[in-house]
Amino acid sequence: MKRSGAGRPVVVAEVVAVLLPVLVMLALGLWGLDRGGMWRDEAATFQVARRSVPQIWHLLHHVDAVHGLYYLFMHAVLASDPGEVALRLPSVCGAAAAAGLVAALGVCLCRPRVGLWAGLLYAVTPMAGHFAQEGRSYALVAAGAAGATLLLVRGVRSAGTGVWWGYGATVAVTCLLHEFAVLLLLAHATTLASARLPRRVWRRWGRAAGGVVLVLSPLVLVSHGQSGQVAWLTAPDWESVDRLLREFTGPTQPVFVPYLFLVVLGVLRSVPRGEVTLAAVAAPLMVLPPAVLITVSRFWPLYDERYVLYALAGAPLLAAAGTDRLARAVARPWERWTGARSPWTARTRTRLPVAALAGVLAVALALTVQFPLLCQDRAPGRRPDNLAAVSAAAGRELRPGDPVLFLPSLARRSALAYPKGFRGARDVALRASATASGTLYGEEEGPAELRRRLAGLDHVWLVAAPFALRPGWHPHTPTERVKLAVIGAEFTLREQYARRGITLRLYVRQPSAGDPRAALRPVWRRSGAGLVPA
């Protein structure tokens, strides 16, 4: 029998248990990866990552410092192939790695079939599939958290300190990808406390955790000064908790109820002193990061489901352990009655028994039930907006020289992500481009200059976020207030094109009796060439 470098037997069962979830997650992640359009957060990644390194560094001083490491990584990824598939491919790989690492945790903490089931459950969970196809850092953070958790288990069982260096480095990089991953340390501390481990383990973990905090501190200080970026978040409620629980276990009722039962069954196990068990690892990982962030967000809103995606790994581990426990409990009476040994009670860790196929079939059934959700998630309409569709609409309607006004300035992201549709149009409010100003959406003129520019226009195309058109919206900046005031007082709505997440409107100037130029202004009409003077 072959042995690894650490002297541990390498068995076919363990390889299959880890490799199969990776392949399933890869297949689901690659399926429909090119949706034909980016949404706003992906567009931010796309346009920032294509800047030079000094330009990215300039941006991070003003905004999005929390995503700095990810932007630099994506800069290297998109250098050779700046396309939407390349944008999302790292997330697919991250999700596949996370599925494999979840399986490895199940193998390490229990047995191969538990690892196989846990990895497959992770792979077919719609939440994991959703973020596997997002051009953002969350799938990579989930992979880093799962890898760090596996290193924690190995560090506890190892007599040396080398594993702890790897653990500290992995947690640090994961937190630099997204700082809320630091709550992983709280989950790991709870795991060590529940196992009542000796002081030497605590000292090694403490040094690693201290190094992580030290590395992360500058990012925390900078990002705190940019906290206005998450001002749109609201305080979570019990509905938020229920939604997250369903995202972790399965949104559909036929999957949610049995899944939750198995999770509870997997938790209800005692933790022997000095031993790290699956429940001691998975339960804190699943519960503590979301619970802490939700509690804090009741007073200072910071919570969003994607920020705790990495906690998802705990749910399939507990469900797989619960399934194994239930199967073994059912198998024992069968053995007493028939006198035959059941494969469910096989104690060896080096075989993947035929009974494991029953669990695989159960996961396949869960995938079948949730397959319509996976199909829907691959449609562009499942994201908050589709900037490609906005650009396409602008390309059909706008003509060279047409004035365009973005309300608010962040609505400019459609032109930044897909400039082709806005080619030749005149951005009325723009003073400095996003790249030159070190911002995400560019720097706009002051209110006086904007009024002067709008005063000379007979018509203007407005690209607006839906919230900006609601009567109750009150912009915070003078420039945005001027946009609303001038459009409302001096222009009339002529046409509208609405897509989810964005609205394109044509406004024409109202005739004024006291304006001697009113008779000279053209009346606009629709023709095959677009909007032209009559």
Protein backbone atom coordinates (compact mmCIF):
# COMPACT_ATOMS: atom_id res chain seq x y z
CA MET A 1 0.00 0.00 0.00
CA LYS A 2 1.37 3.43 -0.91
CA ARG A 3 1.98 6.04 1.69
CA SER A 4 1.93 9.83 1.52
CA GLY A 5 4.81 12.02 2.62
CA ALA A 6 3.29 12.17 6.11
CA GLY A 7 3.13 8.36 6.30
CA ARG A 8 -0.67 8.20 6.10
CA PRO A 9 -2.16 5.48 3.91
CA VAL A 10 -3.46 6.73 0.59
CA VAL A 11 -6.59 4.72 -0.17
CA VAL A 12 -8.89 4.72 -3.14
CA ALA A 13 -11.93 5.42 -0.98
CA GLU A 14 -10.53 8.69 0.33
CA VAL A 15 -9.41 9.84 -3.10
CA VAL A 16 -12.85 9.13 -4.57
CA ALA A 17 -14.56 10.82 -1.62
CA VAL A 18 -12.64 14.05 -2.26
CA LEU A 19 -12.34 14.00 -6.03
CA LEU A 20 -15.98 13.31 -6.91
CA PRO A 21 -17.38 16.44 -5.17
CA VAL A 22 -14.70 18.52 -6.88
CA LEU A 23 -15.76 17.21 -10.30
CA VAL A 24 -19.47 17.72 -9.57
CA MET A 25 -18.88 21.29 -8.38
CA LEU A 26 -16.74 22.01 -11.43
CA ALA A 27 -19.46 20.70 -13.75
CA LEU A 28 -22.19 22.73 -12.06
CA GLY A 29 -19.98 25.83 -11.95
CA LEU A 30 -18.99 25.68 -15.61
CA TRP A 31 -22.56 25.00 -16.73
CA GLY A 32 -23.99 28.27 -18.12
CA LEU A 33 -20.99 30.27 -16.92
CA ASP A 34 -21.33 32.82 -19.73
CA ARG A 35 -24.70 34.39 -18.88
CA GLY A 36 -24.27 37.12 -21.48
CA GLY A 37 -24.08 39.97 -19.00
CA MET A 38 -22.46 41.17 -15.80
CA TRP A 39 -24.32 42.68 -12.91
CA ARG A 40 -23.13 45.69 -10.90
CA ASP A 41 -20.73 43.97 -8.46
CA GLU A 42 -19.13 41.88 -11.17
CA ALA A 43 -18.78 45.01 -13.28
CA ALA A 44 -16.84 46.65 -10.46
CA THR A 45 -14.44 43.71 -10.42
CA PHE A 46 -14.14 43.77 -14.19
CA GLN A 47 -13.40 47.46 -14.66
CA VAL A 48 -11.09 47.78 -11.62
CA ALA A 49 -9.08 44.63 -12.37
CA ARG A 50 -8.30 45.90 -15.88
CA ARG A 51 -6.57 49.00 -14.49
CA SER A 52 -2.83 49.06 -13.92
CA VAL A 53 -1.48 48.12 -10.50
CA PRO A 54 -0.69 51.78 -9.58
CA GLN A 55 -4.22 52.75 -10.64
CA ILE A 56 -5.72 49.98 -8.49
CA TRP A 57 -3.57 51.10 -5.57
CA HIS A 58 -4.79 54.68 -6.11
CA LEU A 59 -8.42 53.49 -6.01
CA LEU A 60 -7.94 51.52 -2.78
CA HIS A 61 -7.00 54.72 -0.96
CA HIS A 62 -10.50 56.04 -1.67
CA VAL A 63 -12.82 53.04 -1.90
CA ASP A 64 -13.07 49.22 -1.88
CA ALA A 65 -9.95 48.57 0.21
CA VAL A 66 -11.69 45.45 1.53
CA HIS A 67 -11.46 43.95 -1.98
CA GLY A 68 -7.91 45.11 -2.69
CA LEU A 69 -6.17 41.73 -2.69
CA TYR A 70 -8.93 40.24 -4.83
CA TYR A 71 -8.67 43.06 -7.38
CA LEU A 72 -4.91 42.57 -7.65
CA PHE A 73 -5.40 38.83 -8.11
CA MET A 74 -8.05 39.41 -10.79
CA HIS A 75 -5.75 41.91 -12.50
CA ALA A 76 -3.37 39.00 -13.16
CA VAL A 77 -6.23 36.70 -14.21
CA LEU A 78 -7.74 39.15 -16.71
CA ALA A 79 -4.41 40.29 -18.12
CA SER A 80 -4.46 37.68 -20.88
CA ASP A 81 -8.21 37.15 -21.33
CA PRO A 82 -10.42 40.09 -20.25
CA GLY A 83 -13.77 38.33 -20.68
CA GLU A 84 -16.75 37.32 -18.57
CA VAL A 85 -15.81 33.64 -18.46
CA ALA A 86 -12.31 34.46 -17.21
CA LEU A 87 -13.90 36.84 -14.68
CA ARG A 88 -15.94 34.03 -13.12
CA LEU A 89 -13.53 31.12 -13.58
CA PRO A 90 -11.59 31.74 -10.33
CA SER A 91 -14.87 31.51 -8.41
CA VAL A 92 -15.68 28.19 -10.10
CA CYS A 93 -12.26 26.87 -9.08
CA GLY A 94 -12.71 28.24 -5.56
CA ALA A 95 -16.09 26.55 -5.19
CA ALA A 96 -14.69 23.26 -6.49
CA ALA A 97 -11.79 23.51 -4.03
CA ALA A 98 -14.23 24.26 -1.20
CA ALA A 99 -16.31 21.17 -2.08
CA GLY A 100 -13.18 19.01 -2.06
CA LEU A 101 -11.97 20.48 1.23
CA VAL A 102 -15.37 19.90 2.86
CA ALA A 103 -15.13 16.29 1.72
CA ALA A 104 -11.57 16.06 3.08
CA LEU A 105 -12.82 17.34 6.44
CA GLY A 106 -15.49 14.63 6.50
CA VAL A 107 -12.89 11.98 5.67
CA CYS A 108 -10.46 13.28 8.27
CA LEU A 109 -13.00 13.69 11.07
CA CYS A 110 -15.18 10.68 10.36
CA ARG A 111 -14.93 8.28 7.41
CA PRO A 112 -14.81 8.38 3.59
CA ARG A 113 -18.53 8.02 2.98
CA VAL A 114 -19.28 10.94 5.31
CA GLY A 115 -16.73 13.05 3.44
CA LEU A 116 -18.22 12.00 0.10
CA TRP A 117 -21.76 12.92 1.15
CA ALA A 118 -20.69 16.23 2.70
CA GLY A 119 -18.72 17.28 -0.37
CA LEU A 120 -21.53 16.36 -2.73
CA LEU A 121 -24.12 18.13 -0.57
CA TYR A 122 -21.98 21.26 -0.67
CA ALA A 123 -21.65 21.02 -4.45
CA VAL A 124 -25.39 20.72 -5.13
CA THR A 125 -26.45 23.44 -2.68
CA PRO A 126 -27.91 26.31 -4.77
CA MET A 127 -26.12 28.91 -2.65
CA ALA A 128 -22.73 27.37 -3.44
CA GLY A 129 -23.64 27.16 -7.14
CA HIS A 130 -24.75 30.79 -7.19
CA PHE A 131 -21.49 32.19 -5.85
CA ALA A 132 -19.47 29.76 -7.96
CA GLN A 133 -20.63 31.90 -10.89
CA GLU A 134 -20.04 35.32 -9.37
CA GLY A 135 -17.05 37.43 -10.36
CA ARG A 136 -16.42 38.29 -6.71
CA SER A 137 -14.22 36.94 -3.92
CA TYR A 138 -16.78 34.98 -1.87
CA ALA A 139 -16.19 31.50 -3.34
CA LEU A 140 -12.44 31.94 -2.86
CA VAL A 141 -13.04 33.01 0.75
CA ALA A 142 -15.12 29.87 1.28
CA ALA A 143 -12.30 27.72 -0.07
CA GLY A 144 -9.78 29.49 2.17
CA ALA A 145 -11.97 29.01 5.24
CA ALA A 146 -12.46 25.30 4.52
CA GLY A 147 -8.73 24.87 3.95
CA ALA A 148 -7.90 26.68 7.18
CA THR A 149 -10.35 24.49 9.09
CA LEU A 150 -8.71 21.35 7.71
CA LEU A 151 -5.30 22.71 8.74
CA LEU A 152 -6.69 23.41 12.22
CA VAL A 153 -7.69 19.76 12.60
CA ARG A 154 -4.29 18.59 11.37
CA GLY A 155 -2.53 21.07 13.63
CA VAL A 156 -4.36 19.74 16.67
CA ARG A 157 -3.34 16.19 15.77
CA SER A 158 0.23 17.09 14.87
CA ALA A 159 3.11 17.31 17.32
CA GLY A 160 5.00 19.86 15.21
CA THR A 161 4.45 23.55 14.56
CA GLY A 162 4.80 23.54 10.77
CA VAL A 163 1.08 23.01 10.19
CA TRP A 164 0.26 26.03 12.35
CA TRP A 165 2.36 28.29 10.12
CA GLY A 166 0.30 27.10 7.18
CA TYR A 167 -2.88 27.60 9.18
CA GLY A 168 -2.00 31.19 10.08
CA ALA A 169 -1.00 32.05 6.51
CA THR A 170 -4.21 30.55 5.09
CA VAL A 171 -6.46 32.41 7.52
CA ALA A 172 -4.57 35.66 6.89
CA VAL A 173 -4.93 35.44 3.11
CA THR A 174 -8.60 34.48 3.48
CA CYS A 175 -9.26 37.49 5.70
CA LEU A 176 -7.41 39.78 3.30
CA LEU A 177 -9.76 38.57 0.56
CA HIS A 178 -12.66 39.64 2.80
CA GLU A 179 -12.14 40.88 6.34
CA PHE A 180 -15.37 39.40 7.76
CA ALA A 181 -13.71 35.99 7.43
CA VAL A 182 -11.93 36.91 10.68
CA LEU A 183 -15.00 35.49 12.46
CA LEU A 184 -13.58 32.12 11.45
CA LEU A 185 -11.12 32.52 14.35
CA LEU A 186 -14.03 32.69 16.78
CA ALA A 187 -15.47 29.45 15.37
CA HIS A 188 -12.09 27.74 15.63
CA ALA A 189 -11.58 28.95 19.21
CA THR A 190 -14.96 27.45 20.11
CA THR A 191 -13.89 24.16 18.52
CA LEU A 192 -10.74 24.06 20.64
CA ALA A 193 -12.68 24.98 23.79
CA SER A 194 -15.33 22.29 23.24
CA ALA A 195 -12.61 19.66 22.79
CA ARG A 196 -10.86 20.84 25.99
CA LEU A 197 -7.46 20.66 24.41
CA PRO A 198 -4.16 21.11 26.29
CA ARG A 199 -2.45 24.48 26.67
CA ARG A 200 0.24 23.75 24.11
CA VAL A 201 -2.42 23.59 21.38
CA TRP A 202 -3.93 26.86 22.58
CA ARG A 203 -0.51 28.53 22.56
CA ARG A 204 0.17 27.47 18.98
CA TRP A 205 -3.27 28.50 17.82
CA GLY A 206 -2.98 31.80 19.73
CA ARG A 207 0.28 32.69 18.00
CA ALA A 208 -1.26 31.95 14.59
CA ALA A 209 -4.43 33.92 15.40
CA GLY A 210 -2.38 36.84 16.74
CA GLY A 211 -0.42 36.94 13.50
CA VAL A 212 -3.66 37.05 11.53
CA VAL A 213 -4.99 39.96 13.60
CA LEU A 214 -1.71 41.82 13.18
CA VAL A 215 -1.74 41.35 9.38
CA LEU A 216 -5.40 42.33 9.13
CA SER A 217 -5.27 45.43 11.36
CA PRO A 218 -4.18 47.94 8.65
CA LEU A 219 -6.97 46.79 6.35
CA VAL A 220 -9.53 47.13 9.15
CA LEU A 221 -8.41 50.69 9.85
CA VAL A 222 -8.57 51.71 6.18
CA SER A 223 -11.86 49.97 5.47
CA HIS A 224 -13.45 51.52 8.56
CA GLY A 225 -12.89 54.90 6.96
CA GLN A 226 -14.71 53.63 3.87
CA SER A 227 -17.68 52.21 5.79
CA GLY A 228 -20.05 54.49 3.89
CA GLN A 229 -19.92 51.92 1.10
CA VAL A 230 -22.16 49.59 3.10
CA ALA A 231 -24.61 52.30 4.15
CA TRP A 232 -27.21 50.59 1.95
CA LEU A 233 -27.35 47.57 4.28
CA THR A 234 -30.31 47.29 6.65
CA ALA A 235 -30.64 45.63 10.04
CA PRO A 236 -31.41 41.90 9.71
CA ASP A 237 -34.51 40.37 11.27
CA TRP A 238 -35.88 36.89 11.90
CA GLU A 239 -36.77 36.62 8.22
CA SER A 240 -33.07 37.10 7.43
CA VAL A 241 -32.20 34.23 9.78
CA ASP A 242 -34.80 31.96 8.21
CA ARG A 243 -33.63 32.83 4.70
CA LEU A 244 -29.99 32.11 5.55
CA LEU A 245 -30.90 28.79 7.16
CA ARG A 246 -32.78 27.78 4.02
CA GLU A 247 -29.88 28.91 1.84
CA PHE A 248 -27.55 26.70 3.87
CA THR A 249 -29.77 23.63 3.90
CA GLY A 250 -31.86 23.95 0.73
CA PRO A 251 -34.50 26.53 -0.24
CA THR A 252 -37.13 23.96 -1.25
CA GLN A 253 -39.30 22.43 1.47
CA PRO A 254 -38.76 18.76 0.44
CA VAL A 255 -35.02 19.28 0.97
CA PHE A 256 -35.09 21.77 3.85
CA VAL A 257 -37.00 19.66 6.40
CA PRO A 258 -35.00 16.39 6.16
CA TYR A 259 -31.74 18.31 5.78
CA LEU A 260 -32.41 20.27 8.98
CA PHE A 261 -33.32 17.06 10.82
CA LEU A 262 -30.03 15.47 9.76
CA VAL A 263 -28.07 18.57 10.80
CA VAL A 264 -29.60 18.41 14.29
CA LEU A 265 -28.86 14.69 14.45
CA GLY A 266 -25.26 15.39 13.49
CA VAL A 267 -24.88 18.00 16.24
CA LEU A 268 -26.24 15.85 19.07
CA ARG A 269 -23.05 14.01 19.85
CA SER A 270 -20.78 14.33 22.86
CA VAL A 271 -17.26 15.67 22.38
CA PRO A 272 -14.63 13.51 24.13
CA ARG A 273 -11.99 15.40 26.07
CA GLY A 274 -8.90 16.11 24.01
CA GLU A 275 -10.48 15.01 20.70
CA VAL A 276 -11.67 17.20 17.83
CA THR A 277 -14.86 15.69 16.41
CA LEU A 278 -16.83 16.55 13.32
CA ALA A 279 -19.63 18.16 15.34
CA ALA A 280 -17.13 20.24 17.33
CA VAL A 281 -15.69 21.59 14.08
CA ALA A 282 -18.78 21.96 11.90
CA ALA A 283 -21.33 23.35 14.37
CA PRO A 284 -19.31 26.46 15.38
CA LEU A 285 -18.34 27.02 11.74
CA MET A 286 -21.97 26.95 10.62
CA VAL A 287 -23.47 28.95 13.48
CA LEU A 288 -21.04 31.45 14.99
CA PRO A 289 -19.93 33.67 12.06
CA PRO A 290 -23.51 34.33 10.88
CA ALA A 291 -24.84 34.66 14.45
CA VAL A 292 -22.19 37.21 15.47
CA LEU A 293 -22.50 39.26 12.29
CA ILE A 294 -26.31 39.28 12.48
CA THR A 295 -26.22 40.31 16.15
CA VAL A 296 -23.79 43.16 15.49
CA SER A 297 -25.84 44.21 12.47
CA ARG A 298 -28.89 44.76 14.62
CA PHE A 299 -27.10 47.90 15.85
CA TRP A 300 -24.61 48.58 13.03
CA PRO A 301 -25.82 47.00 9.76
CA LEU A 302 -23.00 44.99 8.20
CA TYR A 303 -24.74 41.71 7.40
CA ASP A 304 -25.29 40.20 3.98
CA GLU A 305 -25.63 36.50 3.17
CA ARG A 306 -22.61 36.48 0.88
CA TYR A 307 -20.36 37.75 3.68
CA VAL A 308 -20.86 34.46 5.55
CA LEU A 309 -20.85 32.07 2.60
CA TYR A 310 -17.82 30.34 4.12
CA ALA A 311 -19.97 29.20 7.06
CA LEU A 312 -22.01 27.06 4.65
CA ALA A 313 -19.34 24.33 4.90
CA GLY A 314 -20.59 23.34 8.34
CA ALA A 315 -24.10 22.40 7.19
CA PRO A 316 -23.28 19.53 4.78
CA LEU A 317 -20.72 18.14 7.24
CA LEU A 318 -23.34 17.95 9.99
CA ALA A 319 -25.99 16.57 7.62
CA ALA A 320 -23.62 13.86 6.38
CA ALA A 321 -22.67 12.94 9.94
CA GLY A 322 -26.35 12.81 10.88
CA THR A 323 -27.08 10.56 7.91
CA ASP A 324 -24.29 8.21 8.93
CA ARG A 325 -25.50 8.10 12.51
CA LEU A 326 -29.09 7.43 11.46
CA ALA A 327 -28.06 4.68 9.03
CA ARG A 328 -25.92 2.96 11.64
CA ALA A 329 -28.73 3.14 14.20
CA VAL A 330 -31.13 1.50 11.73
CA ALA A 331 -28.56 -1.11 10.69
CA ARG A 332 -27.93 -2.49 14.19
CA PRO A 333 -31.44 -3.97 14.72
CA TRP A 334 -31.18 -5.43 11.20
CA GLU A 335 -27.93 -7.15 12.13
CA ARG A 336 -29.43 -8.61 15.31
CA TRP A 337 -32.43 -9.87 13.40
CA THR A 338 -30.61 -11.35 10.40
CA GLY A 339 -27.27 -12.18 11.96
CA ALA A 340 -25.53 -10.60 8.94
CA ARG A 341 -23.03 -7.75 9.16
CA SER A 342 -24.37 -4.52 7.60
CA PRO A 343 -22.05 -2.39 5.45
CA TRP A 344 -23.35 0.65 7.33
CA THR A 345 -21.58 -0.45 10.51
CA ALA A 346 -18.22 -1.15 8.86
CA ARG A 347 -15.59 0.42 11.09
CA THR A 348 -12.72 0.48 8.66
CA ARG A 349 -11.68 3.88 7.32
CA THR A 350 -9.96 2.50 4.25
CA ARG A 351 -13.01 1.19 2.39
CA LEU A 352 -15.77 3.08 0.62
CA PRO A 353 -18.61 0.56 1.20
CA VAL A 354 -21.35 -0.06 -1.30
CA ALA A 355 -23.76 1.42 1.25
CA ALA A 356 -22.27 4.83 0.48
CA LEU A 357 -24.11 4.72 -2.84
CA ALA A 358 -27.40 5.11 -0.98
CA GLY A 359 -26.24 8.47 0.34
CA VAL A 360 -25.04 9.47 -3.13
CA LEU A 361 -28.49 8.66 -4.50
CA ALA A 362 -30.08 10.78 -1.77
CA VAL A 363 -27.86 13.72 -2.78
CA ALA A 364 -28.82 13.10 -6.42
CA LEU A 365 -32.48 13.29 -5.39
CA ALA A 366 -31.85 16.62 -3.64
CA LEU A 367 -30.15 17.87 -6.80
CA THR A 368 -33.15 16.78 -8.88
CA VAL A 369 -35.59 18.61 -6.60
CA GLN A 370 -33.52 21.79 -6.70
CA PHE A 371 -32.50 21.55 -10.35
CA PRO A 372 -35.08 24.15 -11.50
CA LEU A 373 -33.50 26.65 -9.07
CA LEU A 374 -30.07 25.97 -10.54
CA CYS A 375 -31.45 26.50 -14.05
CA GLN A 376 -33.10 29.80 -13.09
CA ASP A 377 -29.92 31.01 -11.43
CA ARG A 378 -28.07 30.84 -14.74
CA ALA A 379 -30.39 33.39 -16.35
CA PRO A 380 -29.18 37.03 -16.33
CA GLY A 381 -32.52 38.10 -14.86
CA ARG A 382 -31.72 36.35 -11.57
CA ARG A 383 -29.15 39.03 -10.74
CA PRO A 384 -30.16 42.50 -9.55
CA ASP A 385 -29.40 43.98 -12.96
CA ASN A 386 -27.93 43.15 -16.36
CA LEU A 387 -25.58 45.89 -17.51
CA ALA A 388 -25.10 44.29 -20.93
CA ALA A 389 -28.81 44.71 -21.65
CA VAL A 390 -28.66 48.37 -20.60
CA SER A 391 -25.71 49.00 -22.89
CA ALA A 392 -27.48 47.22 -25.75
CA ALA A 393 -30.54 49.41 -25.28
CA ALA A 394 -28.37 52.53 -25.19
CA GLY A 395 -26.63 51.40 -28.38
CA ARG A 396 -29.99 51.14 -30.15
CA GLU A 397 -31.24 54.54 -29.03
CA LEU A 398 -28.24 56.84 -28.64
CA ARG A 399 -26.56 58.60 -31.53
CA PRO A 400 -23.08 60.17 -31.63
CA GLY A 401 -23.06 63.39 -29.67
CA ASP A 402 -26.21 62.62 -27.67
CA PRO A 403 -25.97 63.97 -24.11
CA VAL A 404 -26.26 61.37 -21.30
CA LEU A 405 -26.86 61.99 -17.61
CA PHE A 406 -26.31 59.25 -15.01
CA LEU A 407 -28.47 59.36 -11.88
CA PRO A 408 -26.86 58.78 -9.48
CA SER A 409 -23.25 58.62 -10.65
CA LEU A 410 -23.03 54.89 -9.89
CA ALA A 411 -25.44 54.29 -12.78
CA ARG A 412 -22.40 54.99 -14.96
CA ARG A 413 -21.28 51.39 -14.27
CA SER A 414 -23.19 50.18 -17.35
CA ALA A 415 -21.08 52.48 -19.57
CA LEU A 416 -17.87 51.44 -17.79
CA ALA A 417 -18.57 47.71 -18.09
CA TYR A 418 -19.96 47.84 -21.65
CA PRO A 419 -18.75 51.08 -23.28
CA LYS A 420 -19.76 50.01 -26.79
CA GLY A 421 -23.40 51.00 -26.32
CA PHE A 422 -22.43 54.49 -25.15
CA ARG A 423 -19.72 55.08 -27.73
CA GLY A 424 -19.89 58.62 -29.08
CA ALA A 425 -22.34 59.80 -26.42
CA ARG A 426 -21.49 62.87 -24.33
CA ASP A 427 -21.37 62.37 -20.55
CA VAL A 428 -22.80 65.69 -19.38
CA ALA A 429 -21.78 65.59 -15.71
CA LEU A 430 -18.37 63.91 -15.91
CA ARG A 431 -15.31 65.90 -14.86
CA ALA A 432 -12.67 63.13 -14.57
CA SER A 433 -12.84 59.48 -15.57
CA ALA A 434 -13.01 56.68 -13.01
CA THR A 435 -9.40 55.68 -13.69
CA ALA A 436 -8.00 59.21 -13.51
CA SER A 437 -9.92 60.12 -10.36
CA GLY A 438 -9.15 56.87 -8.52
CA THR A 439 -12.86 56.14 -8.04
CA LEU A 440 -15.28 53.45 -9.17
CA TYR A 441 -17.58 55.66 -11.24
CA GLY A 442 -15.68 58.86 -12.01
CA GLU A 443 -15.69 62.37 -10.57
CA GLU A 444 -18.54 64.70 -11.54
CA GLU A 445 -18.76 68.47 -11.96
CA GLY A 446 -20.07 70.75 -9.25
CA PRO A 447 -23.69 71.95 -9.23
CA ALA A 448 -23.04 75.34 -10.88
CA GLU A 449 -21.12 73.89 -13.84
CA LEU A 450 -23.69 71.12 -14.27
CA ARG A 451 -26.53 73.66 -14.43
CA ARG A 452 -24.62 75.56 -17.11
CA ARG A 453 -24.11 72.42 -19.18
CA LEU A 454 -27.75 71.33 -18.88
CA ALA A 455 -28.98 74.82 -19.83
CA GLY A 456 -27.64 74.39 -23.35
CA LEU A 457 -29.37 71.07 -24.04
CA ASP A 458 -32.56 70.48 -26.04
CA HIS A 459 -32.76 66.84 -24.95
CA VAL A 460 -30.91 64.49 -22.64
CA TRP A 461 -30.86 60.75 -22.06
CA LEU A 462 -31.11 59.80 -18.41
CA VAL A 463 -29.65 56.48 -17.20
CA ALA A 464 -31.08 56.00 -13.72
CA ALA A 465 -31.06 53.43 -10.96
CA PRO A 466 -34.69 52.60 -10.05
CA PHE A 467 -34.37 53.97 -6.50
CA ALA A 468 -33.35 57.35 -7.92
CA LEU A 469 -36.74 57.72 -9.64
CA ARG A 470 -38.79 57.07 -6.51
CA PRO A 471 -40.51 60.12 -4.97
CA GLY A 472 -38.98 59.47 -1.55
CA TRP A 473 -35.35 59.44 -2.69
CA HIS A 474 -33.30 62.39 -1.45
CA PRO A 475 -29.76 62.58 -2.85
CA HIS A 476 -26.97 63.53 -0.45
CA THR A 477 -24.76 65.49 -2.84
CA PRO A 478 -25.50 68.90 -4.44
CA THR A 479 -24.68 67.57 -7.92
CA GLU A 480 -27.27 64.79 -7.66
CA ARG A 481 -29.85 67.26 -6.34
CA VAL A 482 -29.21 69.53 -9.34
CA LYS A 483 -29.79 66.62 -11.72
CA LEU A 484 -33.19 65.92 -10.17
CA ALA A 485 -34.18 69.58 -9.95
CA VAL A 486 -33.27 70.55 -13.52
CA ILE A 487 -34.73 67.43 -15.13
CA GLY A 488 -37.96 67.84 -13.17
CA ALA A 489 -38.38 71.58 -13.83
CA GLU A 490 -37.05 72.07 -17.35
CA PHE A 491 -37.54 68.79 -19.22
CA THR A 492 -40.44 66.52 -20.18
CA LEU A 493 -40.31 62.74 -20.34
CA ARG A 494 -40.65 61.52 -23.93
CA GLU A 495 -39.61 57.84 -23.87
CA GLN A 496 -38.64 55.18 -21.37
CA TYR A 497 -36.83 51.85 -21.57
CA ALA A 498 -36.81 49.90 -18.29
CA ARG A 499 -34.78 46.85 -17.37
CA ARG A 500 -34.42 45.23 -13.99
CA GLY A 501 -32.01 47.37 -12.03
CA ILE A 502 -31.77 50.29 -14.48
CA THR A 503 -33.99 52.70 -16.45
CA LEU A 504 -33.16 54.57 -19.65
CA ARG A 505 -35.26 57.68 -20.29
CA LEU A 506 -35.34 60.38 -22.94
CA TYR A 507 -36.16 63.90 -21.75
CA VAL A 508 -36.83 66.87 -24.07
CA ARG A 509 -36.78 70.49 -22.98
CA GLN A 510 -40.11 72.09 -22.18
CA PRO A 511 -40.95 75.11 -24.35
CA SER A 512 -40.71 78.40 -22.46
CA ALA A 513 -42.72 81.45 -23.51
CA GLY A 514 -40.09 83.80 -22.20
CA ASP A 515 -37.24 82.08 -24.02
CA PRO A 516 -36.55 83.65 -27.47
CA ARG A 517 -34.73 80.47 -28.51
CA ALA A 518 -37.81 78.28 -27.98
CA ALA A 519 -38.99 78.68 -31.58
CA LEU A 520 -35.56 77.63 -32.86
CA ARG A 521 -35.45 74.41 -30.87
CA PRO A 522 -36.42 71.32 -32.91
CA VAL A 523 -39.39 69.07 -32.31
CA TRP A 524 -38.14 65.51 -31.97
CA ARG A 525 -39.67 62.57 -33.77
CA ARG A 526 -38.95 58.83 -34.01
CA SER A 527 -37.61 57.44 -37.29
CA GLY A 528 -35.75 54.37 -38.46
CA ALA A 529 -32.50 56.19 -37.74
CA GLY A 530 -33.52 56.82 -34.15
CA LEU A 531 -34.65 60.12 -32.61
CA VAL A 532 -34.18 62.98 -35.09
CA PRO A 533 -35.38 66.59 -35.41
CA ALA A 534 -38.69 66.88 -37.29
